[in-house]
Amino acid sequence: MTTEKKLTPAVWVASVAGIGYFPFAPGTVGSAVGIAIVAALDGMPVTNKGRNTLLVLAAALIFIVGVWAAGQSEKFFGRTDPGHVVIDEVVGQMVTFLLVPHASWKLLLAGFGLFRVFDVTKPFPVSRAERLPGGWGIMVDDVFAGVYAMLALALLGYIVR
């Protein structure tokens, strides 16, 4: 008799269709999904304003679904912020590019690196946001890391010009 639990739809969503089960650096792989979404939006035949609107809407939708899915995943695994949950990295990475009208591959790479640094080091208030209950703590800390990365990327763009 097996005691293994069957994965729920919420866990599947929180792990971004199983990407969170990648054998090493699942958070980094989840961030790459966020980069892919941004790149796909940049490839759409819309104005910069239209692209940013789509990015905000997509990030908001994924955030809302992520709060639910991440919270359910905590219950499923019986611990806070389970490592298989990577939907938070997807949203945080998307937030990184909210001030960028069009992300070239160089900007995508820089934003990816900046987000990973802020997500891993968790400067204040990123670290504080993790204390929020359930899926909120899982999702909000990555949104804050994305805001830090967004501001750093904007500053970098200003300096390099």
N, C-alpha and C. Protein backbone atom coordinates (compact mmCIF):
# COMPACT_ATOMS: atom_id res chain seq x y z
N MET A 1 0.84 -1.18 0.00
CA MET A 1 0.00 0.00 0.00
C MET A 1 0.88 1.24 0.00
N THR A 2 0.59 2.17 -0.88
CA THR A 2 1.38 3.38 -0.99
C THR A 2 0.75 4.51 -0.16
N THR A 3 1.62 5.35 0.39
CA THR A 3 1.13 6.50 1.16
C THR A 3 1.35 7.79 0.38
N GLU A 4 1.81 7.68 -0.86
CA GLU A 4 2.07 8.86 -1.68
C GLU A 4 0.75 9.53 -2.05
N LYS A 5 0.71 10.86 -1.89
CA LYS A 5 -0.49 11.62 -2.23
C LYS A 5 -0.53 11.87 -3.74
N LYS A 6 -1.73 11.89 -4.27
CA LYS A 6 -1.92 12.23 -5.68
C LYS A 6 -1.85 13.75 -5.80
N LEU A 7 -1.10 14.23 -6.79
CA LEU A 7 -0.99 15.67 -7.00
C LEU A 7 -2.35 16.27 -7.31
N THR A 8 -2.59 17.42 -6.74
CA THR A 8 -3.85 18.13 -6.97
C THR A 8 -3.67 19.15 -8.09
N PRO A 9 -4.77 19.64 -8.66
CA PRO A 9 -4.65 20.70 -9.67
C PRO A 9 -3.90 21.93 -9.14
N ALA A 10 -4.12 22.26 -7.88
CA ALA A 10 -3.44 23.42 -7.29
C ALA A 10 -1.93 23.22 -7.26
N VAL A 11 -1.48 22.03 -6.88
CA VAL A 11 -0.04 21.74 -6.84
C VAL A 11 0.53 21.78 -8.26
N TRP A 12 -0.23 21.26 -9.22
CA TRP A 12 0.21 21.28 -10.61
C TRP A 12 0.38 22.73 -11.10
N VAL A 13 -0.57 23.59 -10.76
CA VAL A 13 -0.49 25.00 -11.14
C VAL A 13 0.67 25.68 -10.42
N ALA A 14 0.79 25.46 -9.12
CA ALA A 14 1.85 26.10 -8.33
C ALA A 14 3.24 25.68 -8.79
N SER A 15 3.35 24.45 -9.30
CA SER A 15 4.64 23.97 -9.79
C SER A 15 4.83 24.32 -11.27
N VAL A 16 3.92 25.10 -11.82
CA VAL A 16 3.93 25.51 -13.23
C VAL A 16 4.06 24.28 -14.13
N ALA A 17 3.03 23.46 -14.06
CA ALA A 17 2.92 22.24 -14.88
C ALA A 17 4.09 21.29 -14.65
N GLY A 18 4.56 21.24 -13.40
CA GLY A 18 5.61 20.29 -13.04
C GLY A 18 7.02 20.83 -13.12
N ILE A 19 7.21 22.06 -13.58
CA ILE A 19 8.55 22.64 -13.69
C ILE A 19 9.21 22.73 -12.31
N GLY A 20 8.42 22.91 -11.27
CA GLY A 20 8.95 22.98 -9.92
C GLY A 20 9.59 21.69 -9.44
N TYR A 21 9.40 20.62 -10.20
CA TYR A 21 10.01 19.34 -9.86
C TYR A 21 11.33 19.13 -10.59
N PHE A 22 11.82 20.16 -11.27
CA PHE A 22 13.11 20.07 -11.95
C PHE A 22 14.16 19.67 -10.91
N PRO A 23 15.09 18.78 -11.25
CA PRO A 23 15.99 18.22 -10.24
C PRO A 23 16.97 19.21 -9.59
N PHE A 24 17.28 20.31 -10.25
CA PHE A 24 18.14 21.30 -9.61
C PHE A 24 17.70 22.70 -10.02
N ALA A 25 17.83 23.64 -9.11
CA ALA A 25 17.48 25.05 -9.32
C ALA A 25 16.08 25.25 -9.92
N PRO A 26 15.03 24.66 -9.31
CA PRO A 26 13.69 24.83 -9.89
C PRO A 26 13.23 26.29 -9.90
N GLY A 27 13.68 27.09 -8.93
CA GLY A 27 13.31 28.50 -8.92
C GLY A 27 13.88 29.25 -10.11
N THR A 28 15.10 28.91 -10.47
CA THR A 28 15.73 29.53 -11.64
C THR A 28 15.00 29.12 -12.92
N VAL A 29 14.60 27.86 -12.98
CA VAL A 29 13.85 27.39 -14.15
C VAL A 29 12.48 28.07 -14.20
N GLY A 30 11.85 28.24 -13.04
CA GLY A 30 10.58 28.97 -12.99
C GLY A 30 10.73 30.41 -13.45
N SER A 31 11.85 31.04 -13.07
CA SER A 31 12.13 32.40 -13.54
C SER A 31 12.26 32.44 -15.05
N ALA A 32 12.85 31.40 -15.62
CA ALA A 32 13.00 31.34 -17.08
C ALA A 32 11.63 31.30 -17.77
N VAL A 33 10.64 30.71 -17.12
CA VAL A 33 9.28 30.72 -17.67
C VAL A 33 8.76 32.16 -17.72
N GLY A 34 9.02 32.92 -16.66
CA GLY A 34 8.63 34.33 -16.65
C GLY A 34 9.30 35.11 -17.78
N ILE A 35 10.57 34.82 -18.02
CA ILE A 35 11.31 35.45 -19.12
C ILE A 35 10.66 35.09 -20.45
N ALA A 36 10.28 33.83 -20.60
CA ALA A 36 9.65 33.37 -21.85
C ALA A 36 8.32 34.10 -22.09
N ILE A 37 7.57 34.34 -21.03
CA ILE A 37 6.30 35.06 -21.17
C ILE A 37 6.56 36.50 -21.61
N VAL A 38 7.54 37.15 -20.97
CA VAL A 38 7.88 38.53 -21.35
C VAL A 38 8.34 38.57 -22.80
N ALA A 39 9.20 37.64 -23.20
CA ALA A 39 9.69 37.60 -24.58
C ALA A 39 8.54 37.38 -25.56
N ALA A 40 7.61 36.51 -25.19
CA ALA A 40 6.45 36.26 -26.07
C ALA A 40 5.60 37.52 -26.22
N LEU A 41 5.39 38.24 -25.12
CA LEU A 41 4.62 39.49 -25.20
C LEU A 41 5.35 40.53 -26.04
N ASP A 42 6.68 40.57 -25.91
CA ASP A 42 7.47 41.51 -26.71
C ASP A 42 7.38 41.19 -28.20
N GLY A 43 7.14 39.94 -28.52
CA GLY A 43 7.05 39.53 -29.92
C GLY A 43 5.68 39.77 -30.54
N MET A 44 4.73 40.20 -29.73
CA MET A 44 3.37 40.43 -30.24
C MET A 44 3.30 41.76 -30.99
N PRO A 45 2.48 41.82 -32.03
CA PRO A 45 2.37 43.06 -32.80
C PRO A 45 1.46 44.08 -32.11
N VAL A 46 1.91 44.59 -30.97
CA VAL A 46 1.16 45.59 -30.22
C VAL A 46 2.09 46.75 -29.89
N THR A 47 1.52 47.88 -29.52
CA THR A 47 2.32 49.03 -29.10
C THR A 47 2.98 48.72 -27.75
N ASN A 48 3.93 49.56 -27.36
CA ASN A 48 4.56 49.38 -26.05
C ASN A 48 3.53 49.47 -24.93
N LYS A 49 2.58 50.40 -25.08
CA LYS A 49 1.52 50.53 -24.07
C LYS A 49 0.68 49.26 -24.03
N GLY A 50 0.35 48.72 -25.19
CA GLY A 50 -0.41 47.47 -25.25
C GLY A 50 0.34 46.31 -24.65
N ARG A 51 1.64 46.25 -24.91
CA ARG A 51 2.48 45.19 -24.34
C ARG A 51 2.51 45.29 -22.82
N ASN A 52 2.68 46.52 -22.31
CA ASN A 52 2.72 46.69 -20.86
C ASN A 52 1.38 46.37 -20.22
N THR A 53 0.30 46.73 -20.89
CA THR A 53 -1.04 46.39 -20.38
C THR A 53 -1.20 44.88 -20.30
N LEU A 54 -0.81 44.18 -21.36
CA LEU A 54 -0.89 42.72 -21.36
C LEU A 54 0.00 42.11 -20.27
N LEU A 55 1.19 42.69 -20.08
CA LEU A 55 2.11 42.18 -19.05
C LEU A 55 1.51 42.35 -17.66
N VAL A 56 0.93 43.52 -17.39
CA VAL A 56 0.30 43.76 -16.09
C VAL A 56 -0.87 42.81 -15.88
N LEU A 57 -1.72 42.66 -16.89
CA LEU A 57 -2.88 41.76 -16.76
C LEU A 57 -2.45 40.31 -16.56
N ALA A 58 -1.46 39.87 -17.33
CA ALA A 58 -0.98 38.49 -17.19
C ALA A 58 -0.36 38.26 -15.82
N ALA A 59 0.46 39.21 -15.36
CA ALA A 59 1.09 39.08 -14.05
C ALA A 59 0.04 39.09 -12.94
N ALA A 60 -0.96 39.96 -13.06
CA ALA A 60 -2.02 40.02 -12.05
C ALA A 60 -2.82 38.72 -12.00
N LEU A 61 -3.16 38.19 -13.16
CA LEU A 61 -3.91 36.93 -13.21
C LEU A 61 -3.09 35.78 -12.62
N ILE A 62 -1.83 35.69 -13.01
CA ILE A 62 -0.98 34.62 -12.48
C ILE A 62 -0.78 34.80 -10.98
N PHE A 63 -0.67 36.05 -10.52
CA PHE A 63 -0.53 36.31 -9.08
C PHE A 63 -1.75 35.81 -8.32
N ILE A 64 -2.94 36.17 -8.79
CA ILE A 64 -4.18 35.76 -8.10
C ILE A 64 -4.30 34.25 -8.05
N VAL A 65 -4.09 33.60 -9.18
CA VAL A 65 -4.15 32.14 -9.22
C VAL A 65 -3.03 31.56 -8.35
N GLY A 66 -1.87 32.21 -8.37
CA GLY A 66 -0.73 31.74 -7.59
C GLY A 66 -0.95 31.78 -6.09
N VAL A 67 -1.61 32.83 -5.60
CA VAL A 67 -1.91 32.90 -4.16
C VAL A 67 -2.73 31.68 -3.75
N TRP A 68 -3.74 31.37 -4.53
CA TRP A 68 -4.58 30.20 -4.23
C TRP A 68 -3.77 28.91 -4.34
N ALA A 69 -3.08 28.72 -5.46
CA ALA A 69 -2.37 27.47 -5.71
C ALA A 69 -1.23 27.27 -4.71
N ALA A 70 -0.50 28.33 -4.39
CA ALA A 70 0.60 28.22 -3.43
C ALA A 70 0.08 27.90 -2.04
N GLY A 71 -1.03 28.53 -1.66
CA GLY A 71 -1.64 28.24 -0.36
C GLY A 71 -2.10 26.80 -0.26
N GLN A 72 -2.72 26.30 -1.32
CA GLN A 72 -3.15 24.90 -1.34
C GLN A 72 -1.95 23.95 -1.30
N SER A 73 -0.86 24.35 -1.95
CA SER A 73 0.35 23.52 -1.96
C SER A 73 0.96 23.43 -0.57
N GLU A 74 0.92 24.52 0.19
CA GLU A 74 1.41 24.46 1.57
C GLU A 74 0.62 23.43 2.36
N LYS A 75 -0.68 23.41 2.19
CA LYS A 75 -1.51 22.42 2.89
C LYS A 75 -1.19 21.02 2.41
N PHE A 76 -1.01 20.85 1.11
CA PHE A 76 -0.73 19.54 0.52
C PHE A 76 0.58 18.96 1.05
N PHE A 77 1.63 19.80 1.09
CA PHE A 77 2.94 19.33 1.52
C PHE A 77 3.15 19.43 3.03
N GLY A 78 2.27 20.17 3.72
CA GLY A 78 2.38 20.29 5.17
C GLY A 78 3.55 21.13 5.63
N ARG A 79 3.99 22.08 4.80
CA ARG A 79 5.08 22.98 5.20
C ARG A 79 4.94 24.30 4.44
N THR A 80 5.59 25.33 4.99
CA THR A 80 5.52 26.64 4.35
C THR A 80 6.49 26.71 3.17
N ASP A 81 6.09 27.43 2.16
CA ASP A 81 6.87 27.69 0.95
C ASP A 81 7.58 26.45 0.41
N PRO A 82 6.82 25.44 0.00
CA PRO A 82 7.44 24.22 -0.54
C PRO A 82 8.28 24.54 -1.78
N GLY A 83 9.41 23.88 -1.90
CA GLY A 83 10.34 24.14 -3.00
C GLY A 83 9.78 23.89 -4.38
N HIS A 84 8.75 23.06 -4.48
CA HIS A 84 8.17 22.76 -5.79
C HIS A 84 7.32 23.90 -6.32
N VAL A 85 6.97 24.84 -5.46
CA VAL A 85 6.15 25.98 -5.88
C VAL A 85 7.06 27.00 -6.58
N VAL A 86 6.83 27.22 -7.87
CA VAL A 86 7.65 28.17 -8.63
C VAL A 86 6.81 29.22 -9.37
N ILE A 87 5.50 29.19 -9.17
CA ILE A 87 4.64 30.18 -9.82
C ILE A 87 4.99 31.59 -9.33
N ASP A 88 5.52 31.67 -8.11
CA ASP A 88 5.94 32.95 -7.56
C ASP A 88 7.12 33.53 -8.33
N GLU A 89 8.05 32.68 -8.76
CA GLU A 89 9.18 33.14 -9.56
C GLU A 89 8.72 33.67 -10.92
N VAL A 90 7.72 33.04 -11.49
CA VAL A 90 7.19 33.48 -12.78
C VAL A 90 6.67 34.91 -12.65
N VAL A 91 5.86 35.17 -11.64
CA VAL A 91 5.28 36.50 -11.45
C VAL A 91 6.36 37.52 -11.12
N GLY A 92 7.25 37.19 -10.21
CA GLY A 92 8.32 38.12 -9.84
C GLY A 92 9.17 38.52 -11.03
N GLN A 93 9.46 37.55 -11.86
CA GLN A 93 10.26 37.83 -13.06
C GLN A 93 9.50 38.74 -14.01
N MET A 94 8.20 38.54 -14.13
CA MET A 94 7.38 39.40 -15.00
C MET A 94 7.35 40.84 -14.47
N VAL A 95 7.24 41.00 -13.17
CA VAL A 95 7.22 42.33 -12.55
C VAL A 95 8.51 43.09 -12.88
N THR A 96 9.61 42.38 -12.95
CA THR A 96 10.91 42.98 -13.26
C THR A 96 10.86 43.85 -14.52
N PHE A 97 10.03 43.50 -15.47
CA PHE A 97 10.02 44.17 -16.77
C PHE A 97 8.88 45.16 -16.97
N LEU A 98 8.20 45.54 -15.89
CA LEU A 98 7.06 46.46 -16.03
C LEU A 98 7.46 47.85 -16.50
N LEU A 99 8.68 48.29 -16.22
CA LEU A 99 9.12 49.62 -16.66
C LEU A 99 9.89 49.59 -17.97
N VAL A 100 10.04 48.42 -18.54
CA VAL A 100 10.82 48.26 -19.77
C VAL A 100 9.85 48.20 -20.95
N PRO A 101 9.90 49.19 -21.87
CA PRO A 101 8.96 49.17 -22.98
C PRO A 101 9.17 48.00 -23.94
N HIS A 102 10.41 47.61 -24.16
CA HIS A 102 10.71 46.46 -25.01
C HIS A 102 11.99 45.83 -24.47
N ALA A 103 11.94 44.55 -24.18
CA ALA A 103 13.09 43.88 -23.56
C ALA A 103 13.93 43.17 -24.62
N SER A 104 15.09 43.74 -24.92
CA SER A 104 16.05 43.08 -25.80
C SER A 104 16.60 41.87 -25.06
N TRP A 105 17.34 41.02 -25.75
CA TRP A 105 17.90 39.84 -25.08
C TRP A 105 18.86 40.26 -23.97
N LYS A 106 19.54 41.40 -24.15
CA LYS A 106 20.46 41.89 -23.10
C LYS A 106 19.68 42.31 -21.86
N LEU A 107 18.56 43.01 -22.08
CA LEU A 107 17.72 43.41 -20.94
C LEU A 107 17.08 42.20 -20.28
N LEU A 108 16.65 41.23 -21.08
CA LEU A 108 16.08 40.00 -20.51
C LEU A 108 17.11 39.31 -19.62
N LEU A 109 18.33 39.21 -20.09
CA LEU A 109 19.39 38.57 -19.32
C LEU A 109 19.71 39.35 -18.05
N ALA A 110 19.82 40.68 -18.18
CA ALA A 110 20.10 41.52 -17.00
C ALA A 110 18.97 41.43 -15.99
N GLY A 111 17.73 41.51 -16.46
CA GLY A 111 16.58 41.41 -15.56
C GLY A 111 16.48 40.06 -14.89
N PHE A 112 16.80 39.02 -15.63
CA PHE A 112 16.80 37.67 -15.08
C PHE A 112 17.80 37.59 -13.92
N GLY A 113 19.02 38.06 -14.16
CA GLY A 113 20.05 38.03 -13.12
C GLY A 113 19.70 38.88 -11.92
N LEU A 114 19.20 40.09 -12.17
CA LEU A 114 18.83 40.97 -11.06
C LEU A 114 17.72 40.37 -10.22
N PHE A 115 16.70 39.82 -10.87
CA PHE A 115 15.61 39.21 -10.10
C PHE A 115 16.12 38.06 -9.26
N ARG A 116 16.95 37.20 -9.84
CA ARG A 116 17.46 36.05 -9.08
C ARG A 116 18.26 36.52 -7.86
N VAL A 117 19.06 37.58 -8.02
CA VAL A 117 19.84 38.11 -6.89
C VAL A 117 18.91 38.58 -5.78
N PHE A 118 17.91 39.38 -6.11
CA PHE A 118 17.00 39.89 -5.09
C PHE A 118 16.11 38.79 -4.51
N ASP A 119 15.76 37.81 -5.32
CA ASP A 119 14.93 36.70 -4.83
C ASP A 119 15.71 35.83 -3.85
N VAL A 120 16.98 35.61 -4.13
CA VAL A 120 17.79 34.75 -3.26
C VAL A 120 18.25 35.49 -2.01
N THR A 121 18.69 36.76 -2.15
CA THR A 121 19.21 37.49 -0.99
C THR A 121 18.10 38.04 -0.10
N LYS A 122 16.93 38.28 -0.65
CA LYS A 122 15.75 38.74 0.08
C LYS A 122 16.01 39.94 1.00
N PRO A 123 16.40 41.10 0.41
CA PRO A 123 16.57 42.29 1.25
C PRO A 123 15.22 42.75 1.79
N PHE A 124 15.24 43.56 2.85
CA PHE A 124 14.01 44.09 3.43
C PHE A 124 13.28 44.90 2.37
N PRO A 125 11.99 44.84 2.23
CA PRO A 125 11.00 44.06 2.95
C PRO A 125 10.68 42.70 2.31
N VAL A 126 11.51 42.26 1.36
CA VAL A 126 11.26 40.96 0.73
C VAL A 126 11.20 39.87 1.79
N SER A 127 12.18 39.88 2.70
CA SER A 127 12.24 38.85 3.75
C SER A 127 11.04 38.93 4.67
N ARG A 128 10.55 40.12 4.90
CA ARG A 128 9.40 40.32 5.79
C ARG A 128 8.11 39.79 5.15
N ALA A 129 8.01 39.94 3.84
CA ALA A 129 6.80 39.51 3.13
C ALA A 129 6.60 38.01 3.22
N GLU A 130 7.68 37.26 3.38
CA GLU A 130 7.56 35.80 3.49
C GLU A 130 6.72 35.38 4.69
N ARG A 131 6.60 36.26 5.66
CA ARG A 131 5.85 35.94 6.88
C ARG A 131 4.34 36.03 6.71
N LEU A 132 3.90 36.59 5.60
CA LEU A 132 2.46 36.66 5.35
C LEU A 132 1.89 35.25 5.30
N PRO A 133 0.63 35.08 5.67
CA PRO A 133 0.06 33.73 5.75
C PRO A 133 -0.20 33.10 4.38
N GLY A 134 -0.05 31.79 4.33
CA GLY A 134 -0.41 30.99 3.17
C GLY A 134 0.26 31.42 1.89
N GLY A 135 -0.51 31.38 0.82
CA GLY A 135 0.01 31.71 -0.49
C GLY A 135 0.45 33.16 -0.63
N TRP A 136 -0.07 34.03 0.23
CA TRP A 136 0.32 35.44 0.18
C TRP A 136 1.82 35.60 0.41
N GLY A 137 2.34 34.96 1.43
CA GLY A 137 3.77 35.07 1.73
C GLY A 137 4.64 34.53 0.61
N ILE A 138 4.20 33.44 0.01
CA ILE A 138 4.96 32.83 -1.08
C ILE A 138 5.00 33.78 -2.28
N MET A 139 3.88 34.38 -2.60
CA MET A 139 3.79 35.21 -3.80
C MET A 139 4.33 36.63 -3.61
N VAL A 140 3.99 37.26 -2.49
CA VAL A 140 4.33 38.68 -2.31
C VAL A 140 5.83 38.90 -2.20
N ASP A 141 6.57 37.99 -1.58
CA ASP A 141 8.01 38.21 -1.47
C ASP A 141 8.66 38.25 -2.85
N ASP A 142 8.16 37.47 -3.79
CA ASP A 142 8.73 37.49 -5.14
C ASP A 142 8.28 38.71 -5.93
N VAL A 143 7.09 39.22 -5.64
CA VAL A 143 6.68 40.48 -6.26
C VAL A 143 7.60 41.60 -5.78
N PHE A 144 7.90 41.63 -4.48
CA PHE A 144 8.82 42.64 -3.95
C PHE A 144 10.21 42.50 -4.57
N ALA A 145 10.70 41.27 -4.70
CA ALA A 145 12.00 41.04 -5.34
C ALA A 145 11.94 41.54 -6.79
N GLY A 146 10.80 41.33 -7.45
CA GLY A 146 10.63 41.82 -8.81
C GLY A 146 10.64 43.33 -8.88
N VAL A 147 10.05 43.99 -7.89
CA VAL A 147 10.05 45.46 -7.85
C VAL A 147 11.48 45.97 -7.68
N TYR A 148 12.25 45.36 -6.77
CA TYR A 148 13.66 45.74 -6.62
C TYR A 148 14.41 45.56 -7.93
N ALA A 149 14.21 44.42 -8.58
CA ALA A 149 14.90 44.15 -9.85
C ALA A 149 14.45 45.13 -10.93
N MET A 150 13.17 45.48 -10.94
CA MET A 150 12.63 46.44 -11.91
C MET A 150 13.31 47.80 -11.73
N LEU A 151 13.41 48.25 -10.49
CA LEU A 151 14.04 49.54 -10.22
C LEU A 151 15.52 49.52 -10.55
N ALA A 152 16.20 48.42 -10.21
CA ALA A 152 17.63 48.28 -10.53
C ALA A 152 17.84 48.25 -12.04
N LEU A 153 16.96 47.57 -12.76
CA LEU A 153 17.06 47.50 -14.21
C LEU A 153 16.82 48.88 -14.84
N ALA A 154 15.86 49.63 -14.30
CA ALA A 154 15.60 50.98 -14.79
C ALA A 154 16.81 51.88 -14.53
N LEU A 155 17.40 51.77 -13.35
CA LEU A 155 18.59 52.56 -13.01
C LEU A 155 19.75 52.18 -13.93
N LEU A 156 19.93 50.90 -14.15
CA LEU A 156 20.98 50.43 -15.04
C LEU A 156 20.77 50.98 -16.45
N GLY A 157 19.53 50.96 -16.92
CA GLY A 157 19.22 51.51 -18.23
C GLY A 157 19.50 53.00 -18.31
N TYR A 158 19.23 53.72 -17.24
CA TYR A 158 19.49 55.15 -17.19
C TYR A 158 20.99 55.43 -17.23
N ILE A 159 21.76 54.65 -16.49
CA ILE A 159 23.22 54.84 -16.42
C ILE A 159 23.88 54.50 -17.75
N VAL A 160 23.44 53.43 -18.38
CA VAL A 160 24.06 52.96 -19.61
C VAL A 160 23.77 53.88 -20.80
N ARG A 161 22.64 54.57 -20.78
CA ARG A 161 22.27 55.46 -21.91
C ARG A 161 23.30 56.45 -22.20
